[in-house]
Protein backbone atom coordinates (compact mmCIF):
# COMPACT_ATOMS: atom_id res chain seq x y z
CA UNK A 1 -28.00 17.87 51.92
CA UNK A 2 -26.14 16.77 48.82
CA UNK A 3 -27.50 17.76 45.45
CA UNK A 4 -26.58 16.23 42.08
CA UNK A 5 -24.72 18.55 39.72
CA UNK A 6 -27.04 20.78 37.71
CA UNK A 7 -27.46 20.23 33.94
CA UNK A 8 -27.11 23.40 31.94
CA UNK A 9 -26.91 24.35 28.27
CA UNK A 10 -23.43 24.12 26.78
CA UNK A 11 -21.51 25.62 23.88
CA UNK A 12 -19.28 23.56 21.63
CA UNK A 13 -16.53 25.28 19.68
CA UNK A 14 -14.81 24.00 16.50
CA UNK A 15 -12.40 26.67 15.38
CA UNK A 16 -11.87 30.05 16.97
CA UNK A 17 -15.10 31.92 17.79
CA UNK A 18 -17.57 29.32 16.36
CA UNK A 19 -20.30 28.61 18.94
CA UNK A 20 -23.10 26.02 19.01
CA UNK A 21 -25.93 25.87 21.60
CA UNK A 22 -27.51 22.61 22.79
CA UNK A 23 -30.07 21.40 25.36
CA UNK A 24 -29.80 18.17 27.30
CA UNK A 25 -31.88 15.78 29.40
CA UNK A 26 -32.01 15.61 33.22
CA UNK A 27 -28.66 15.00 34.96
CA UNK A 28 -27.45 11.95 36.78
CA UNK A 29 -25.24 11.93 39.85
CA UNK A 30 -21.66 10.82 39.35
CA UNK A 31 -18.58 10.61 41.48
CA UNK A 32 -15.53 12.87 41.09
CA UNK A 33 -16.86 15.19 38.41
CA UNK A 34 -13.93 17.20 37.00
CA UNK A 35 -14.04 20.86 37.89
CA UNK A 36 -12.96 23.54 35.42
CA UNK A 37 -9.58 25.12 35.91
CA UNK A 38 -9.75 28.63 37.44
CA UNK A 39 -7.97 30.01 34.40
CA UNK A 40 -8.00 28.83 30.81
CA UNK A 41 -4.48 27.94 29.71
CA UNK A 42 -3.54 28.94 26.14
CA UNK A 43 -2.66 25.36 25.25
CA UNK A 44 -6.28 24.36 25.71
CA UNK A 45 -7.71 27.02 23.43
CA UNK A 46 -9.90 25.62 20.62
CA UNK A 47 -7.85 23.83 17.99
CA UNK A 48 -7.99 24.95 14.36
CA UNK A 49 -10.15 22.83 12.09
CA UNK A 50 -9.00 24.12 8.70
CA UNK A 51 -6.79 21.05 8.21
CA UNK A 52 -7.91 20.31 4.65
CA UNK A 53 -10.19 17.38 5.47
CA UNK A 54 -13.58 17.36 3.74
CA UNK A 55 -16.81 16.95 5.66
CA UNK A 56 -17.45 13.72 3.74
CA UNK A 57 -14.35 12.10 5.29
CA UNK A 58 -15.47 9.06 7.31
CA UNK A 59 -13.41 8.38 10.41
CA UNK A 60 -11.95 4.91 10.87
CA UNK A 61 -9.40 2.76 12.67
CA UNK A 62 -6.00 4.46 12.79
CA UNK A 63 -7.16 8.09 12.62
CA UNK A 64 -5.60 10.26 15.33
CA UNK A 65 -7.89 12.91 16.83
CA UNK A 66 -7.13 15.87 19.10
CA UNK A 67 -9.87 16.70 21.60
CA UNK A 68 -9.71 20.01 23.45
CA UNK A 69 -12.09 20.80 26.29
CA UNK A 70 -11.15 24.33 27.28
CA UNK A 71 -10.70 24.53 31.03
CA UNK A 72 -10.55 20.74 31.41
CA UNK A 73 -6.94 19.75 30.64
CA UNK A 74 -7.41 16.32 32.20
CA UNK A 75 -10.05 15.54 29.55
CA UNK A 76 -8.09 16.99 26.64
CA UNK A 77 -5.51 15.20 24.52
CA UNK A 78 -4.88 13.09 21.43
CA UNK A 79 -6.53 9.73 20.86
CA UNK A 80 -6.28 7.12 18.12
CA UNK A 81 -9.37 5.29 16.88
CA UNK A 82 -9.00 1.59 17.68
CA UNK A 83 -9.46 -1.35 15.32
CA UNK A 84 -13.16 -1.67 16.19
CA UNK A 85 -13.78 2.00 15.32
CA UNK A 86 -14.08 3.25 18.90
CA UNK A 87 -12.43 5.93 21.02
CA UNK A 88 -11.54 5.17 24.63
CA UNK A 89 -11.95 8.49 26.46
CA UNK A 90 -11.67 9.59 30.09
CA UNK A 91 -14.94 10.02 31.95
CA UNK A 92 -17.27 8.94 29.12
CA UNK A 93 -15.56 5.63 28.27
CA UNK A 94 -15.71 3.90 24.90
CA UNK A 95 -17.55 5.62 22.04
CA UNK A 96 -18.10 4.14 18.57
CA UNK A 97 -17.10 6.78 15.98
CA UNK A 98 -16.03 4.66 12.98
CA UNK A 99 -17.90 5.73 9.84
CA UNK A 100 -18.88 9.12 11.27
CA UNK A 101 -17.66 12.49 10.01
CA UNK A 102 -15.65 14.86 12.20
CA UNK A 103 -18.75 17.04 12.71
CA UNK A 104 -20.90 14.07 13.71
CA UNK A 105 -18.21 12.86 16.12
CA UNK A 106 -17.85 16.28 17.68
CA UNK A 107 -21.58 16.44 18.35
CA UNK A 108 -21.48 12.95 19.87
CA UNK A 109 -18.71 14.08 22.25
CA UNK A 110 -20.67 17.19 23.18
CA UNK A 111 -23.71 15.08 24.02
CA UNK A 112 -21.66 12.64 26.11
CA UNK A 113 -19.61 15.17 28.08
CA UNK A 114 -22.67 17.30 28.75
CA UNK A 115 -23.97 14.53 30.98
CA UNK A 116 -21.05 14.92 33.37
CA UNK A 117 -19.70 18.46 33.38
CA UNK A 118 -21.23 21.18 35.57
CA UNK A 119 -19.85 23.98 33.45
CA UNK A 120 -20.57 24.33 29.73
CA UNK A 121 -17.30 23.25 28.08
CA UNK A 122 -15.97 24.59 24.84
CA UNK A 123 -15.06 21.57 22.74
CA UNK A 124 -12.82 21.42 19.69
CA UNK A 125 -12.16 18.28 17.65
CA UNK A 126 -9.41 18.08 15.04
CA UNK A 127 -8.27 15.22 12.84
CA UNK A 128 -4.52 15.39 13.38
CA UNK A 129 -3.20 12.39 11.45
CA UNK A 130 -5.32 10.40 9.02
CA UNK A 131 -5.04 6.65 8.61
CA UNK A 132 -3.42 5.24 5.44
CA UNK A 133 -5.65 5.07 2.38
CA UNK A 134 -6.54 1.50 1.37
CA UNK A 135 -7.93 1.25 -2.17
CA UNK A 136 -9.04 -1.79 -4.21
CA UNK A 137 -8.30 -1.75 -7.96
CA UNK A 138 -10.02 -4.18 -10.31
CA UNK A 139 -10.57 -4.72 -14.02
CA UNK A 140 -8.21 -3.76 -16.83
CA UNK A 141 -5.02 -3.09 -14.87
CA UNK A 142 -1.87 -5.18 -14.94
CA UNK A 143 -1.87 -6.03 -11.22
CA UNK A 144 -5.40 -5.92 -9.73
CA UNK A 145 -5.55 -5.94 -5.95
CA UNK A 146 -5.60 -3.82 -2.81
CA UNK A 147 -3.07 -1.03 -2.35
CA UNK A 148 -2.19 1.04 0.73
CA UNK A 149 -0.93 4.61 0.37
CA UNK A 150 0.01 7.16 3.01
CA UNK A 151 -1.56 10.62 2.86
CA UNK A 152 1.25 13.13 2.41
CA UNK A 153 1.38 16.32 4.48
CA UNK A 154 2.65 19.32 2.52
CA UNK A 155 3.87 22.41 4.28
CA UNK A 156 1.36 25.28 3.93
CA UNK A 157 -0.71 23.21 1.49
CA UNK A 158 -2.23 20.80 3.98
CA UNK A 159 -2.76 17.13 3.26
CA UNK A 160 -2.24 15.69 -0.21
CA UNK A 161 -4.54 12.82 -1.01
CA UNK A 162 -3.54 10.03 -3.41
CA UNK A 163 -5.16 10.35 -6.82
CA UNK A 164 -6.71 7.94 -9.29
CA UNK A 165 -3.76 8.04 -11.71
CA UNK A 166 -1.30 7.37 -8.87
CA UNK A 167 -3.19 4.24 -7.83
CA UNK A 168 -3.38 3.06 -11.44
CA UNK A 169 0.41 3.43 -11.56
CA UNK A 170 0.75 1.35 -8.40
CA UNK A 171 -1.39 -1.33 -10.03
CA UNK A 172 1.12 -1.56 -12.90
CA UNK A 173 -0.82 0.71 -15.23
CA UNK A 174 -3.83 0.03 -17.39
CA UNK A 175 -3.99 -2.66 -20.04
CA UNK A 176 -4.26 -1.85 -23.74
CA UNK A 177 -7.98 -2.63 -23.72
CA UNK A 178 -8.91 -0.45 -20.72
CA UNK A 179 -11.89 1.86 -21.11
CA UNK A 180 -10.35 5.05 -19.75
CA UNK A 181 -13.39 7.12 -20.77
CA UNK A 182 -15.54 5.57 -18.05
CA UNK A 183 -13.62 4.52 -14.94
CA UNK A 184 -15.77 4.06 -11.84
CA UNK A 185 -14.75 4.99 -8.30
CA UNK A 186 -17.11 3.62 -5.65
CA UNK A 187 -17.04 5.34 -2.25
CA UNK A 188 -18.76 4.67 1.05
CA UNK A 189 -20.41 7.64 2.77
CA UNK A 190 -20.98 8.41 6.49
CA UNK A 191 -24.71 8.37 5.75
CA UNK A 192 -24.41 4.73 4.67
CA UNK A 193 -25.45 5.42 1.07
CA UNK A 194 -22.49 4.69 -1.26
CA UNK A 195 -21.55 7.14 -3.99
CA UNK A 196 -20.16 6.33 -7.45
CA UNK A 197 -17.99 8.72 -9.48
CA UNK A 198 -17.43 8.23 -13.22
CA UNK A 199 -14.08 9.53 -14.47
CA UNK A 200 -12.97 10.23 -18.06
CA UNK A 201 -9.17 10.10 -18.19
CA UNK A 202 -9.21 10.75 -21.94
CA UNK A 203 -10.27 14.32 -21.07
CA UNK A 204 -7.23 14.53 -18.81
CA UNK A 205 -4.99 13.50 -21.73
CA UNK A 206 -6.72 15.61 -24.35
CA UNK A 207 -7.40 18.88 -22.53
CA UNK A 208 -5.50 18.62 -19.25
CA UNK A 209 -8.70 18.47 -17.19
CA UNK A 210 -7.16 17.70 -13.79
CA UNK A 211 -10.60 17.41 -12.17
CA UNK A 212 -10.74 13.96 -13.78
CA UNK A 213 -7.79 12.84 -11.61
CA UNK A 214 -10.02 12.17 -8.63
CA UNK A 215 -8.64 12.37 -5.08
CA UNK A 216 -9.16 9.02 -3.36
CA UNK A 217 -10.36 8.12 0.13
CA UNK A 218 -9.85 5.08 2.32
CA UNK A 219 -12.10 2.24 1.22
CA UNK A 220 -12.55 3.44 -2.36
CA UNK A 221 -12.96 0.80 -5.08
CA UNK A 222 -11.65 1.54 -8.59
CA UNK A 223 -13.24 -0.42 -11.46
CA UNK A 224 -11.63 -0.22 -14.92
CA UNK A 225 -13.91 -1.77 -17.52
CA UNK A 226 -12.98 -3.25 -20.91
CA UNK A 227 -13.32 -1.04 -23.98
CA UNK A 228 -15.66 -2.31 -26.67
CA UNK A 229 -13.45 -0.82 -29.41
CA UNK A 230 -9.84 0.37 -29.39
CA UNK A 231 -8.75 3.32 -31.52
CA UNK A 232 -5.10 2.69 -32.57
CA UNK A 233 -4.33 6.43 -32.84
CA UNK A 234 -5.71 7.05 -29.35
CA UNK A 235 -3.81 4.03 -28.02
CA UNK A 236 -0.51 5.65 -28.98
CA UNK A 237 -1.46 8.78 -27.02
CA UNK A 238 -2.60 6.74 -24.04
CA UNK A 239 0.70 4.84 -24.06
CA UNK A 240 2.53 8.04 -23.12
CA UNK A 241 0.29 8.80 -20.11
CA UNK A 242 1.54 8.45 -16.55
CA UNK A 243 -1.06 5.77 -15.76
CA UNK A 244 0.00 3.55 -18.69
CA UNK A 245 2.55 0.80 -18.02
CA UNK A 246 6.15 1.85 -18.61
CA UNK A 247 6.72 -1.09 -20.95
CA UNK A 248 5.33 -4.37 -22.20
CA UNK A 249 7.05 -7.57 -23.34
CA UNK A 250 6.47 -9.24 -26.70
CA UNK A 251 8.23 -12.00 -28.61
CA UNK A 252 9.65 -11.35 -32.08
CA UNK A 253 10.92 -14.62 -33.53
CA UNK A 254 12.06 -15.97 -36.87
CA UNK A 255 13.99 -14.10 -39.53
CA UNK A 256 14.89 -10.89 -37.68
CA UNK A 257 18.36 -9.70 -36.71
CA UNK A 258 17.78 -10.02 -32.93
CA UNK A 259 15.04 -12.59 -32.33
CA UNK A 260 13.62 -13.19 -28.85
CA UNK A 261 11.91 -11.33 -26.03
CA UNK A 262 11.61 -7.60 -26.68
CA UNK A 263 10.67 -4.94 -24.12
CA UNK A 264 8.91 -2.02 -25.79
CA UNK A 265 6.88 0.98 -24.71
CA UNK A 266 3.20 0.45 -23.98
CA UNK A 267 1.00 0.58 -27.08
CA UNK A 268 3.91 0.00 -29.44
CA UNK A 269 2.85 -0.87 -32.99
CA UNK A 270 3.85 -3.98 -34.94
CA UNK A 271 6.26 -2.09 -37.19
CA UNK A 272 8.08 -0.58 -34.20
CA UNK A 273 8.54 -4.01 -32.61
CA UNK A 274 10.07 -5.44 -35.79
CA UNK A 275 12.47 -2.49 -36.06
CA UNK A 276 13.38 -2.84 -32.36
CA UNK A 277 14.43 -6.42 -33.15
CA UNK A 278 16.85 -5.15 -35.78
CA UNK A 279 14.52 -5.54 -38.75
CA UNK A 280 14.32 -8.36 -41.28
CA UNK A 281 17.31 -10.57 -42.07
CA UNK A 282 18.33 -9.58 -45.59
CA UNK A 283 17.66 -12.16 -48.32
CA UNK A 284 16.07 -14.59 -45.82
CA UNK A 285 12.93 -12.99 -44.36
CA UNK A 286 9.54 -12.98 -45.97
CA UNK A 287 9.00 -9.22 -46.00
CA UNK A 288 5.50 -9.17 -47.43
CA UNK A 289 3.67 -10.49 -44.36
CA UNK A 290 4.11 -11.74 -40.79
CA UNK A 291 2.13 -13.91 -38.35
CA UNK A 292 0.71 -12.36 -35.17
CA UNK A 293 -0.18 -14.77 -32.35
CA UNK A 294 -2.19 -13.33 -29.44
CA UNK A 295 -3.34 -14.74 -26.11
CA UNK A 296 -6.76 -13.23 -25.44
CA UNK A 297 -8.08 -12.29 -21.95
CA UNK A 298 -10.57 -15.18 -22.11
CA UNK A 299 -7.73 -17.70 -22.55
CA UNK A 300 -8.22 -18.29 -26.27
CA UNK A 301 -5.44 -17.86 -28.82
CA UNK A 302 -5.81 -16.11 -32.16
CA UNK A 303 -3.42 -16.12 -35.10
CA UNK A 304 -3.63 -13.94 -38.17
CA UNK A 305 -1.50 -13.01 -41.15
CA UNK A 306 -0.76 -9.29 -41.50
CA UNK A 307 0.56 -7.59 -44.62
CA UNK A 308 3.68 -5.58 -43.76
CA UNK A 309 3.67 -1.85 -44.60
CA UNK A 310 6.33 0.17 -42.81
CA UNK A 311 4.85 3.41 -44.17
CA UNK A 312 1.50 2.71 -42.50
CA UNK A 313 0.46 4.57 -39.32
CA UNK A 314 -0.92 2.49 -36.44
CA UNK A 315 -4.08 0.70 -37.55
CA UNK A 316 -5.73 -2.67 -37.03
CA UNK A 317 -5.11 -3.92 -40.58
CA UNK A 318 -1.42 -3.49 -41.41
CA UNK A 319 0.17 -2.02 -38.26
CA UNK A 320 -1.78 -3.05 -35.15
CA UNK A 321 -0.96 -1.99 -31.61
CA UNK A 322 0.71 -4.88 -29.79
CA UNK A 323 -0.38 -6.22 -26.42
CA UNK A 324 1.51 -7.87 -23.58
CA UNK A 325 2.81 -11.35 -24.54
CA UNK A 326 2.02 -11.04 -28.25
CA UNK A 327 4.22 -13.17 -30.52
CA UNK A 328 5.37 -11.80 -33.89
CA UNK A 329 6.60 -14.54 -36.26
CA UNK A 330 8.71 -13.56 -39.28
CA UNK A 331 8.76 -16.46 -41.70
CA UNK A 332 11.47 -17.40 -44.20
CA UNK A 333 11.06 -16.34 -47.79
CA UNK A 334 10.25 -18.98 -50.40
CA UNK A 335 13.77 -18.73 -51.80
CA UNK A 336 15.36 -19.19 -48.35
CA UNK A 337 13.13 -22.14 -47.57
CA UNK A 338 14.05 -23.83 -50.87
CA UNK A 339 17.74 -23.14 -50.34
CA UNK A 340 17.63 -24.54 -46.81
CA UNK A 341 15.92 -27.72 -47.98
CA UNK A 342 18.42 -28.24 -50.77
CA UNK A 343 21.24 -27.66 -48.30
CA UNK A 344 19.95 -30.42 -46.06
CA UNK A 345 19.45 -32.83 -48.95
CA UNK A 346 22.86 -32.20 -50.47
CA UNK A 347 24.84 -32.18 -47.23
CA UNK A 348 25.63 -35.97 -47.25
CA UNK A 349 26.86 -35.83 -50.87
CA UNK A 350 28.93 -32.75 -50.10
CA UNK A 351 30.51 -34.51 -47.17
CA UNK A 352 31.33 -37.60 -49.24
CA UNK A 353 32.95 -35.50 -51.96
CA UNK A 354 35.06 -33.74 -49.34
CA UNK A 355 36.28 -37.13 -48.03
CA UNK A 356 37.17 -38.36 -51.52
CA UNK A 357 38.98 -35.12 -52.23
CA UNK A 358 41.11 -35.52 -49.09
CA UNK A 359 41.91 -39.14 -50.10
CA UNK A 360 43.22 -37.95 -53.43
């Protein structure tokens, strides 16, 4: 008389010497149940799990997993999670694991294999190669969008996750009106309840608090809000940070030595931009004031007259911090304007006198 294989309690192992007990429902008969090898080969010993991946890591398409069932080499091996978030495994078939943690997935495998194996297997599950990290960046950055970054493996240090400041760099850096004191990072969780982190990058600049440079995970969303007020002194400090843009472009036109498009460091002040353009043209420029034309984020254009004071530190009144695409207009002095007008008016008479002189 044939009897179906008996169901017995089984132990699952993640790491060396870590044992878990479990009970299971009544068995079902199957064909060609794998039998354990008479000896346990060293290559099928439990795999290490100290591979620097947090428990909160949610598995997804592209992750490569190593499954080791000690004594069952035909069931052991490496598998990549498919686009629909499933694993296609021998004996148990397709299992949906996308969104689950490594621990949750291991327990799912234990439950599935326990329905088929007559001997309690020792099971180890290790995330061998993580999928690339895809992060969305929105708000006050120069190039909002979605960015893909590979997780770097460092010898003896494990995996190095991309950080918030690195993704801000990829997005072209923050704008001059970014609120770096309250940047949000929204993250999905295996439990289904999303989590939001609030990061203060000013603390990173001021005190070197590296905990503010949050490590990112696949699917994170970075939101950089607009600052209600901008401190010019702080803007200069922020302009030297790694997550600020390397440079911005402004126009300096009119009575300067080198008029035209000027590329300057982020958060450059008005005075610095004028000096970068060679300064005022002697005896022609109006040195008391300039015109600043600015295209605002809402599409409007503002123009204001600013009194020039080269001894002034950055401030909103006499030496404002410039923004991308600002236009600085240096007008002619009253004397130069009068001279130019007289030159135009007198040019026909001057030409006629020159002709008469040649005729003589």
